[in-house]
Amino acid sequence: MDLFFYDVDAEYVKYLKATETAKRGFTRVPDVKYQNERKMVCGVVLKINGYKYYVPVSSYKKKQPNNLLIRLEDDSFNQVKGSLRFNYMFPIDDKYISRRNFNKETPGRKEFLRRQWVYCNSITDDIKQMAEDTYKDVIAGTDSSLVNASCDFKLLEDAAKNYNPDNQN
């Protein structure tokens, strides 16, 4: 199964962030809109409890236990181009996501995204395993620092189930 890069509905993400903040006092759900760019997610990296999880594609370039670095081996200057941050993955219903169209990007950006996408598809098994392991470790709650540094997956599953865009401000 190929992985793809997607854009997420910003209002859906805003809702998840507000839901998590209301319960925890903070959120680990990442922003998807920035001044000049939209953050992508990669997925589906995990299917569990009837939910499809997607992992943010981040510019963060430091190796941590719950991320995988995106490497472009043919770049002699800086091979690490970003990471997939599994402690920030979250469930998304198909209707709130759209496949990123690389053809709408500038030629240089289009090629950069395509190369990242090819790399991610070359490590699909590692991605799926990291998603599963991170989910299980967070749900088990045995590592409080991991739980604190991660999205509340169960809370976000309930929020995803109850999301109604017509009731949002």
N, C-alpha and C. Protein backbone atom coordinates (compact mmCIF):
# COMPACT_ATOMS: atom_id res chain seq x y z
N MET A 1 0.84 -1.18 0.00
CA MET A 1 0.00 0.00 0.00
C MET A 1 0.88 1.24 0.00
N ASP A 2 0.71 2.09 -0.99
CA ASP A 2 1.48 3.32 -1.07
C ASP A 2 0.99 4.33 -0.04
N LEU A 3 1.94 5.09 0.46
CA LEU A 3 1.62 6.23 1.31
C LEU A 3 1.55 7.46 0.42
N PHE A 4 0.73 8.41 0.79
CA PHE A 4 0.64 9.66 0.06
C PHE A 4 0.74 10.82 1.02
N PHE A 5 0.96 12.00 0.50
CA PHE A 5 0.96 13.22 1.30
C PHE A 5 -0.40 13.89 1.12
N TYR A 6 -0.91 14.45 2.21
CA TYR A 6 -2.24 15.03 2.21
C TYR A 6 -2.27 16.38 2.90
N ASP A 7 -3.27 17.17 2.53
CA ASP A 7 -3.61 18.40 3.24
C ASP A 7 -4.85 18.09 4.08
N VAL A 8 -4.90 18.64 5.28
CA VAL A 8 -6.00 18.41 6.21
C VAL A 8 -6.82 19.69 6.32
N ASP A 9 -8.13 19.53 6.41
CA ASP A 9 -9.03 20.67 6.61
C ASP A 9 -8.62 21.41 7.89
N ALA A 10 -8.31 22.70 7.75
CA ALA A 10 -7.82 23.50 8.88
C ALA A 10 -8.85 23.62 10.00
N GLU A 11 -10.13 23.66 9.67
CA GLU A 11 -11.16 23.76 10.70
C GLU A 11 -11.24 22.48 11.53
N TYR A 12 -11.04 21.35 10.89
CA TYR A 12 -11.01 20.08 11.61
C TYR A 12 -9.85 20.07 12.61
N VAL A 13 -8.68 20.51 12.16
CA VAL A 13 -7.51 20.55 13.04
C VAL A 13 -7.74 21.53 14.18
N LYS A 14 -8.33 22.66 13.89
CA LYS A 14 -8.65 23.66 14.92
C LYS A 14 -9.55 23.04 15.99
N TYR A 15 -10.53 22.26 15.56
CA TYR A 15 -11.44 21.57 16.48
C TYR A 15 -10.68 20.57 17.36
N LEU A 16 -9.81 19.76 16.74
CA LEU A 16 -9.04 18.79 17.52
C LEU A 16 -8.15 19.49 18.54
N LYS A 17 -7.50 20.56 18.12
CA LYS A 17 -6.63 21.32 19.01
C LYS A 17 -7.42 21.87 20.20
N ALA A 18 -8.59 22.44 19.93
CA ALA A 18 -9.42 23.00 21.00
C ALA A 18 -9.90 21.91 21.95
N THR A 19 -10.27 20.77 21.41
CA THR A 19 -10.74 19.65 22.24
C THR A 19 -9.63 19.17 23.17
N GLU A 20 -8.44 19.00 22.62
CA GLU A 20 -7.33 18.53 23.45
C GLU A 20 -6.92 19.58 24.48
N THR A 21 -6.91 20.83 24.09
CA THR A 21 -6.56 21.91 25.02
C THR A 21 -7.56 21.99 26.17
N ALA A 22 -8.84 21.82 25.85
CA ALA A 22 -9.87 21.89 26.89
C ALA A 22 -9.67 20.82 27.96
N LYS A 23 -9.20 19.65 27.56
CA LYS A 23 -9.01 18.56 28.52
C LYS A 23 -7.65 18.60 29.19
N ARG A 24 -6.61 18.88 28.43
CA ARG A 24 -5.24 18.75 28.95
C ARG A 24 -4.61 20.08 29.36
N GLY A 25 -5.19 21.18 28.88
CA GLY A 25 -4.58 22.49 29.13
C GLY A 25 -3.54 22.84 28.09
N PHE A 26 -3.29 21.96 27.16
CA PHE A 26 -2.35 22.15 26.05
C PHE A 26 -2.72 21.15 24.96
N THR A 27 -2.12 21.33 23.80
CA THR A 27 -2.37 20.39 22.71
C THR A 27 -1.06 20.01 22.04
N ARG A 28 -1.03 18.81 21.54
CA ARG A 28 0.10 18.34 20.72
C ARG A 28 -0.31 18.19 19.25
N VAL A 29 -1.57 18.49 18.95
CA VAL A 29 -2.01 18.45 17.55
C VAL A 29 -1.29 19.59 16.83
N PRO A 30 -0.59 19.29 15.75
CA PRO A 30 0.21 20.33 15.08
C PRO A 30 -0.65 21.27 14.25
N ASP A 31 -0.17 22.50 14.11
CA ASP A 31 -0.79 23.43 13.18
C ASP A 31 -0.62 22.89 11.77
N VAL A 32 -1.55 23.22 10.90
CA VAL A 32 -1.41 22.82 9.50
C VAL A 32 -1.33 24.03 8.58
N LYS A 33 -1.59 25.22 9.12
CA LYS A 33 -1.50 26.43 8.31
C LYS A 33 -0.44 27.34 8.90
N TYR A 34 0.46 27.77 8.05
CA TYR A 34 1.48 28.74 8.41
C TYR A 34 1.38 29.88 7.42
N GLN A 35 2.15 30.93 7.61
CA GLN A 35 2.03 32.09 6.73
C GLN A 35 2.17 31.74 5.26
N ASN A 36 3.22 31.04 4.92
CA ASN A 36 3.50 30.78 3.50
C ASN A 36 3.37 29.32 3.09
N GLU A 37 2.92 28.49 4.00
CA GLU A 37 2.96 27.05 3.72
C GLU A 37 1.85 26.34 4.48
N ARG A 38 1.46 25.21 3.94
CA ARG A 38 0.54 24.31 4.64
C ARG A 38 1.31 23.05 4.99
N LYS A 39 1.21 22.63 6.23
CA LYS A 39 1.87 21.39 6.65
C LYS A 39 1.11 20.22 6.06
N MET A 40 1.85 19.23 5.60
CA MET A 40 1.26 18.01 5.06
C MET A 40 1.27 16.94 6.13
N VAL A 41 0.45 15.93 5.88
CA VAL A 41 0.51 14.72 6.67
C VAL A 41 0.75 13.56 5.70
N CYS A 42 1.31 12.49 6.22
CA CYS A 42 1.59 11.29 5.45
C CYS A 42 0.70 10.18 5.98
N GLY A 43 0.13 9.43 5.09
CA GLY A 43 -0.73 8.36 5.61
C GLY A 43 -1.34 7.53 4.51
N VAL A 44 -2.07 6.62 4.90
CA VAL A 44 -2.52 6.19 6.22
C VAL A 44 -1.41 5.37 6.86
N VAL A 45 -0.96 5.77 8.06
CA VAL A 45 0.15 5.06 8.70
C VAL A 45 -0.34 4.02 9.69
N LEU A 46 -1.60 4.14 10.12
CA LEU A 46 -2.14 3.22 11.10
C LEU A 46 -3.65 3.20 10.97
N LYS A 47 -4.21 2.00 10.98
CA LYS A 47 -5.67 1.82 11.05
C LYS A 47 -5.94 1.07 12.34
N ILE A 48 -6.69 1.72 13.24
CA ILE A 48 -6.96 1.10 14.53
C ILE A 48 -8.29 1.62 15.08
N ASN A 49 -9.06 0.73 15.67
CA ASN A 49 -10.34 1.09 16.27
C ASN A 49 -11.28 1.81 15.29
N GLY A 50 -11.14 1.51 14.00
CA GLY A 50 -11.99 2.14 13.00
C GLY A 50 -11.51 3.51 12.55
N TYR A 51 -10.32 3.92 12.98
CA TYR A 51 -9.78 5.24 12.63
C TYR A 51 -8.55 5.09 11.75
N LYS A 52 -8.35 6.07 10.89
CA LYS A 52 -7.16 6.14 10.04
C LYS A 52 -6.28 7.25 10.59
N TYR A 53 -5.05 6.91 10.89
CA TYR A 53 -4.09 7.87 11.44
C TYR A 53 -3.12 8.35 10.36
N TYR A 54 -2.80 9.63 10.46
CA TYR A 54 -1.85 10.28 9.57
C TYR A 54 -0.78 10.94 10.44
N VAL A 55 0.43 10.96 9.93
CA VAL A 55 1.55 11.53 10.69
C VAL A 55 2.01 12.82 10.01
N PRO A 56 2.27 13.87 10.80
CA PRO A 56 2.75 15.12 10.21
C PRO A 56 4.12 14.98 9.57
N VAL A 57 4.29 15.63 8.44
CA VAL A 57 5.60 15.75 7.80
C VAL A 57 6.16 17.06 8.32
N SER A 58 7.26 16.98 9.03
CA SER A 58 7.80 18.13 9.74
C SER A 58 9.17 18.52 9.19
N SER A 59 9.52 19.78 9.38
CA SER A 59 10.87 20.23 9.02
C SER A 59 11.87 19.93 10.15
N TYR A 60 11.39 19.40 11.27
CA TYR A 60 12.22 19.05 12.41
C TYR A 60 13.23 17.98 11.98
N LYS A 61 14.52 18.21 12.25
CA LYS A 61 15.56 17.35 11.69
C LYS A 61 16.40 16.60 12.72
N LYS A 62 15.94 16.56 13.97
CA LYS A 62 16.69 15.88 15.02
C LYS A 62 16.05 14.52 15.29
N LYS A 63 16.86 13.48 15.35
CA LYS A 63 16.36 12.13 15.63
C LYS A 63 15.87 12.05 17.07
N GLN A 64 14.66 11.51 17.23
CA GLN A 64 14.09 11.26 18.54
C GLN A 64 13.46 9.87 18.52
N PRO A 65 13.13 9.33 19.70
CA PRO A 65 12.61 7.95 19.73
C PRO A 65 11.34 7.74 18.92
N ASN A 66 10.49 8.73 18.79
CA ASN A 66 9.22 8.53 18.10
C ASN A 66 9.11 9.35 16.83
N ASN A 67 10.22 9.48 16.13
CA ASN A 67 10.17 10.06 14.79
C ASN A 67 11.12 9.31 13.87
N LEU A 68 10.85 9.43 12.60
CA LEU A 68 11.74 8.88 11.56
C LEU A 68 12.21 10.05 10.71
N LEU A 69 13.50 10.09 10.49
CA LEU A 69 14.06 11.17 9.67
C LEU A 69 13.82 10.89 8.20
N ILE A 70 13.53 11.95 7.46
CA ILE A 70 13.39 11.86 6.00
C ILE A 70 14.76 12.22 5.41
N ARG A 71 15.37 11.25 4.77
CA ARG A 71 16.72 11.42 4.23
C ARG A 71 16.72 11.35 2.70
N LEU A 72 17.42 12.28 2.12
CA LEU A 72 17.65 12.23 0.68
C LEU A 72 19.14 12.00 0.49
N GLU A 73 19.49 10.74 0.30
CA GLU A 73 20.89 10.31 0.30
C GLU A 73 21.75 10.98 -0.76
N ASP A 74 21.13 11.43 -1.84
CA ASP A 74 21.93 12.02 -2.92
C ASP A 74 22.23 13.50 -2.70
N ASP A 75 21.80 14.07 -1.58
CA ASP A 75 22.10 15.46 -1.26
C ASP A 75 23.41 15.49 -0.49
N SER A 76 24.47 15.99 -1.12
CA SER A 76 25.78 15.96 -0.48
C SER A 76 25.93 17.02 0.61
N PHE A 77 25.04 18.00 0.64
CA PHE A 77 25.15 19.07 1.64
C PHE A 77 24.45 18.71 2.95
N ASN A 78 23.19 18.30 2.85
CA ASN A 78 22.40 17.99 4.05
C ASN A 78 21.36 16.94 3.69
N GLN A 79 21.63 15.70 4.06
CA GLN A 79 20.74 14.61 3.67
C GLN A 79 19.40 14.62 4.43
N VAL A 80 19.37 15.08 5.66
CA VAL A 80 18.15 15.08 6.45
C VAL A 80 17.29 16.28 6.07
N LYS A 81 16.09 16.01 5.58
CA LYS A 81 15.20 17.07 5.10
C LYS A 81 14.02 17.33 6.01
N GLY A 82 13.83 16.47 6.99
CA GLY A 82 12.71 16.62 7.90
C GLY A 82 12.45 15.30 8.60
N SER A 83 11.24 15.18 9.13
CA SER A 83 10.91 13.95 9.86
C SER A 83 9.41 13.70 9.86
N LEU A 84 9.08 12.49 10.21
CA LEU A 84 7.70 12.09 10.49
C LEU A 84 7.62 11.96 12.00
N ARG A 85 6.72 12.72 12.64
CA ARG A 85 6.66 12.79 14.10
C ARG A 85 5.43 12.04 14.61
N PHE A 86 5.66 10.80 14.99
CA PHE A 86 4.56 9.89 15.31
C PHE A 86 3.82 10.23 16.60
N ASN A 87 4.46 10.88 17.54
CA ASN A 87 3.74 11.27 18.75
C ASN A 87 2.72 12.38 18.46
N TYR A 88 2.79 12.98 17.27
CA TYR A 88 1.83 14.02 16.86
C TYR A 88 0.84 13.51 15.82
N MET A 89 0.83 12.22 15.55
CA MET A 89 -0.13 11.71 14.56
C MET A 89 -1.54 11.82 15.14
N PHE A 90 -2.52 11.88 14.24
CA PHE A 90 -3.91 12.01 14.70
C PHE A 90 -4.85 11.40 13.68
N PRO A 91 -6.07 11.01 14.14
CA PRO A 91 -7.04 10.38 13.25
C PRO A 91 -7.74 11.42 12.38
N ILE A 92 -7.97 11.04 11.12
CA ILE A 92 -8.65 11.94 10.18
C ILE A 92 -9.61 11.12 9.33
N ASP A 93 -10.84 11.57 9.27
CA ASP A 93 -11.83 10.96 8.40
C ASP A 93 -11.54 11.39 6.95
N ASP A 94 -11.81 10.51 6.01
CA ASP A 94 -11.52 10.77 4.60
C ASP A 94 -12.08 12.10 4.09
N LYS A 95 -13.23 12.53 4.62
CA LYS A 95 -13.85 13.74 4.09
C LYS A 95 -13.15 15.02 4.52
N TYR A 96 -12.18 14.94 5.43
CA TYR A 96 -11.46 16.13 5.89
C TYR A 96 -10.01 16.16 5.41
N ILE A 97 -9.76 15.42 4.35
CA ILE A 97 -8.38 15.32 3.86
C ILE A 97 -8.39 15.27 2.33
N SER A 98 -7.36 15.85 1.74
CA SER A 98 -7.23 15.80 0.28
C SER A 98 -5.77 15.56 -0.08
N ARG A 99 -5.58 14.78 -1.11
CA ARG A 99 -4.23 14.43 -1.54
C ARG A 99 -3.51 15.68 -2.03
N ARG A 100 -2.26 15.85 -1.60
CA ARG A 100 -1.45 17.00 -2.02
C ARG A 100 -1.13 16.85 -3.50
N ASN A 101 -1.41 17.89 -4.25
CA ASN A 101 -1.15 17.89 -5.68
C ASN A 101 0.21 18.55 -5.94
N PHE A 102 1.22 17.74 -6.18
CA PHE A 102 2.56 18.26 -6.40
C PHE A 102 2.64 19.15 -7.64
N ASN A 103 1.75 18.92 -8.61
CA ASN A 103 1.78 19.71 -9.84
C ASN A 103 1.43 21.18 -9.62
N LYS A 104 0.84 21.50 -8.48
CA LYS A 104 0.51 22.90 -8.17
C LYS A 104 1.67 23.63 -7.52
N GLU A 105 2.76 22.92 -7.28
CA GLU A 105 3.94 23.50 -6.63
C GLU A 105 4.90 24.07 -7.68
N THR A 106 5.80 24.92 -7.24
CA THR A 106 6.85 25.39 -8.13
C THR A 106 7.69 24.19 -8.54
N PRO A 107 8.38 24.26 -9.69
CA PRO A 107 9.15 23.09 -10.14
C PRO A 107 10.14 22.55 -9.09
N GLY A 108 10.86 23.42 -8.42
CA GLY A 108 11.82 22.97 -7.42
C GLY A 108 11.14 22.33 -6.22
N ARG A 109 10.07 22.93 -5.76
CA ARG A 109 9.32 22.39 -4.62
C ARG A 109 8.64 21.07 -5.00
N LYS A 110 8.12 21.00 -6.22
CA LYS A 110 7.47 19.78 -6.70
C LYS A 110 8.46 18.62 -6.65
N GLU A 111 9.67 18.82 -7.13
CA GLU A 111 10.68 17.77 -7.13
C GLU A 111 11.09 17.40 -5.71
N PHE A 112 11.23 18.39 -4.84
CA PHE A 112 11.59 18.14 -3.44
C PHE A 112 10.52 17.28 -2.76
N LEU A 113 9.26 17.62 -2.93
CA LEU A 113 8.16 16.84 -2.33
C LEU A 113 8.10 15.44 -2.92
N ARG A 114 8.30 15.35 -4.23
CA ARG A 114 8.28 14.04 -4.87
C ARG A 114 9.37 13.14 -4.30
N ARG A 115 10.55 13.68 -4.09
CA ARG A 115 11.66 12.90 -3.55
C ARG A 115 11.39 12.47 -2.10
N GLN A 116 10.79 13.35 -1.31
CA GLN A 116 10.42 12.98 0.05
C GLN A 116 9.39 11.85 0.04
N TRP A 117 8.42 11.97 -0.86
CA TRP A 117 7.37 10.97 -0.99
C TRP A 117 7.96 9.61 -1.38
N VAL A 118 8.87 9.59 -2.34
CA VAL A 118 9.53 8.35 -2.76
C VAL A 118 10.29 7.74 -1.58
N TYR A 119 10.99 8.58 -0.84
CA TYR A 119 11.72 8.06 0.32
C TYR A 119 10.77 7.43 1.33
N CYS A 120 9.69 8.13 1.66
CA CYS A 120 8.73 7.59 2.63
C CYS A 120 8.18 6.24 2.17
N ASN A 121 7.92 6.11 0.88
CA ASN A 121 7.41 4.84 0.37
C ASN A 121 8.47 3.74 0.36
N SER A 122 9.73 4.12 0.46
CA SER A 122 10.80 3.11 0.54
C SER A 122 10.96 2.56 1.95
N ILE A 123 10.36 3.23 2.93
CA ILE A 123 10.47 2.77 4.33
C ILE A 123 9.07 2.55 4.93
N THR A 124 8.13 2.12 4.11
CA THR A 124 6.75 1.95 4.55
C THR A 124 6.64 1.03 5.76
N ASP A 125 7.36 -0.08 5.76
CA ASP A 125 7.27 -1.01 6.89
C ASP A 125 7.74 -0.35 8.19
N ASP A 126 8.83 0.42 8.11
CA ASP A 126 9.32 1.13 9.30
C ASP A 126 8.30 2.16 9.78
N ILE A 127 7.66 2.85 8.85
CA ILE A 127 6.65 3.85 9.19
C ILE A 127 5.47 3.20 9.89
N LYS A 128 4.96 2.14 9.33
CA LYS A 128 3.81 1.46 9.93
C LYS A 128 4.16 0.92 11.32
N GLN A 129 5.35 0.37 11.46
CA GLN A 129 5.77 -0.17 12.76
C GLN A 129 5.91 0.93 13.80
N MET A 130 6.53 2.06 13.41
CA MET A 130 6.70 3.17 14.34
C MET A 130 5.34 3.73 14.76
N ALA A 131 4.39 3.81 13.84
CA ALA A 131 3.05 4.29 14.17
C ALA A 131 2.39 3.37 15.17
N GLU A 132 2.45 2.08 14.91
CA GLU A 132 1.83 1.10 15.81
C GLU A 132 2.49 1.12 17.19
N ASP A 133 3.81 1.12 17.22
CA ASP A 133 4.53 1.12 18.50
C ASP A 133 4.23 2.39 19.31
N THR A 134 4.25 3.53 18.65
CA THR A 134 3.98 4.79 19.35
C THR A 134 2.57 4.81 19.91
N TYR A 135 1.61 4.39 19.10
CA TYR A 135 0.22 4.35 19.56
C TYR A 135 0.10 3.46 20.80
N LYS A 136 0.63 2.26 20.73
CA LYS A 136 0.53 1.32 21.85
C LYS A 136 1.22 1.85 23.10
N ASP A 137 2.40 2.46 22.93
CA ASP A 137 3.14 2.99 24.07
C ASP A 137 2.40 4.15 24.73
N VAL A 138 1.80 5.02 23.93
CA VAL A 138 1.05 6.16 24.49
C VAL A 138 -0.20 5.66 25.21
N ILE A 139 -0.93 4.74 24.58
CA ILE A 139 -2.15 4.20 25.19
C ILE A 139 -1.82 3.47 26.49
N ALA A 140 -0.73 2.73 26.53
CA ALA A 140 -0.33 1.99 27.73
C ALA A 140 0.01 2.95 28.88
N GLY A 141 0.53 4.12 28.54
CA GLY A 141 0.80 5.15 29.54
C GLY A 141 1.95 4.87 30.48
N THR A 142 2.82 3.93 30.13
CA THR A 142 3.91 3.57 31.03
C THR A 142 5.06 4.57 31.03
N ASP A 143 5.17 5.37 29.98
CA ASP A 143 6.22 6.39 29.89
C ASP A 143 5.55 7.76 29.93
N SER A 144 5.57 8.39 31.11
CA SER A 144 4.84 9.65 31.28
C SER A 144 5.40 10.77 30.40
N SER A 145 6.70 10.76 30.13
CA SER A 145 7.26 11.80 29.27
C SER A 145 6.77 11.63 27.83
N LEU A 146 6.62 10.39 27.37
CA LEU A 146 6.07 10.14 26.03
C LEU A 146 4.61 10.56 25.97
N VAL A 147 3.84 10.20 26.98
CA VAL A 147 2.43 10.57 27.02
C VAL A 147 2.28 12.10 26.98
N ASN A 148 3.10 12.79 27.76
CA ASN A 148 3.05 14.25 27.80
C ASN A 148 3.46 14.89 26.47
N ALA A 149 4.36 14.24 25.76
CA ALA A 149 4.88 14.78 24.50
C ALA A 149 4.06 14.35 23.29
N SER A 150 2.95 13.64 23.53
CA SER A 150 2.16 13.07 22.44
C SER A 150 0.73 13.58 22.47
N CYS A 151 0.07 13.43 21.34
CA CYS A 151 -1.36 13.67 21.28
C CYS A 151 -2.06 12.64 22.17
N ASP A 152 -3.22 13.00 22.67
CA ASP A 152 -4.06 12.07 23.43
C ASP A 152 -4.90 11.32 22.40
N PHE A 153 -4.40 10.18 21.96
CA PHE A 153 -5.01 9.47 20.84
C PHE A 153 -6.47 9.09 21.10
N LYS A 154 -6.77 8.58 22.28
CA LYS A 154 -8.15 8.17 22.59
C LYS A 154 -9.08 9.39 22.60
N LEU A 155 -8.63 10.49 23.18
CA LEU A 155 -9.43 11.72 23.19
C LEU A 155 -9.69 12.19 21.77
N LEU A 156 -8.67 12.14 20.91
CA LEU A 156 -8.83 12.59 19.53
C LEU A 156 -9.72 11.66 18.73
N GLU A 157 -9.71 10.37 19.06
CA GLU A 157 -10.63 9.44 18.39
C GLU A 157 -12.08 9.81 18.73
N ASP A 158 -12.34 10.08 20.01
CA ASP A 158 -13.69 10.51 20.40
C ASP A 158 -14.06 11.82 19.72
N ALA A 159 -13.12 12.75 19.68
CA ALA A 159 -13.37 14.05 19.04
C ALA A 159 -13.65 13.86 17.55
N ALA A 160 -12.89 13.00 16.89
CA ALA A 160 -13.09 12.75 15.46
C ALA A 160 -14.48 12.18 15.21
N LYS A 161 -14.91 11.29 16.08
CA LYS A 161 -16.22 10.66 15.95
C LYS A 161 -17.34 11.69 16.10
N ASN A 162 -17.12 12.70 16.94
CA ASN A 162 -18.16 13.68 17.25
C ASN A 162 -18.07 14.97 16.45
N TYR A 163 -17.07 15.07 15.56
CA TYR A 163 -16.90 16.31 14.81
C TYR A 163 -18.05 16.55 13.84
N ASN A 164 -18.59 17.75 13.90
CA ASN A 164 -19.64 18.18 12.97
C ASN A 164 -19.28 19.58 12.51
N PRO A 165 -18.81 19.73 11.26
CA PRO A 165 -18.37 21.05 10.79
C PRO A 165 -19.48 22.10 10.82
N ASP A 166 -20.74 21.68 10.79
CA ASP A 166 -21.84 22.64 10.82
C ASP A 166 -22.02 23.28 12.19
N ASN A 167 -21.46 22.65 13.22
CA ASN A 167 -21.59 23.17 14.58
C ASN A 167 -20.36 23.95 15.04
N GLN A 168 -19.39 24.16 14.17
CA GLN A 168 -18.16 24.85 14.53
C GLN A 168 -18.31 26.35 14.26
N ASN A 169 -17.58 27.14 15.05
CA ASN A 169 -17.60 28.61 14.83
C ASN A 169 -16.61 29.00 13.79
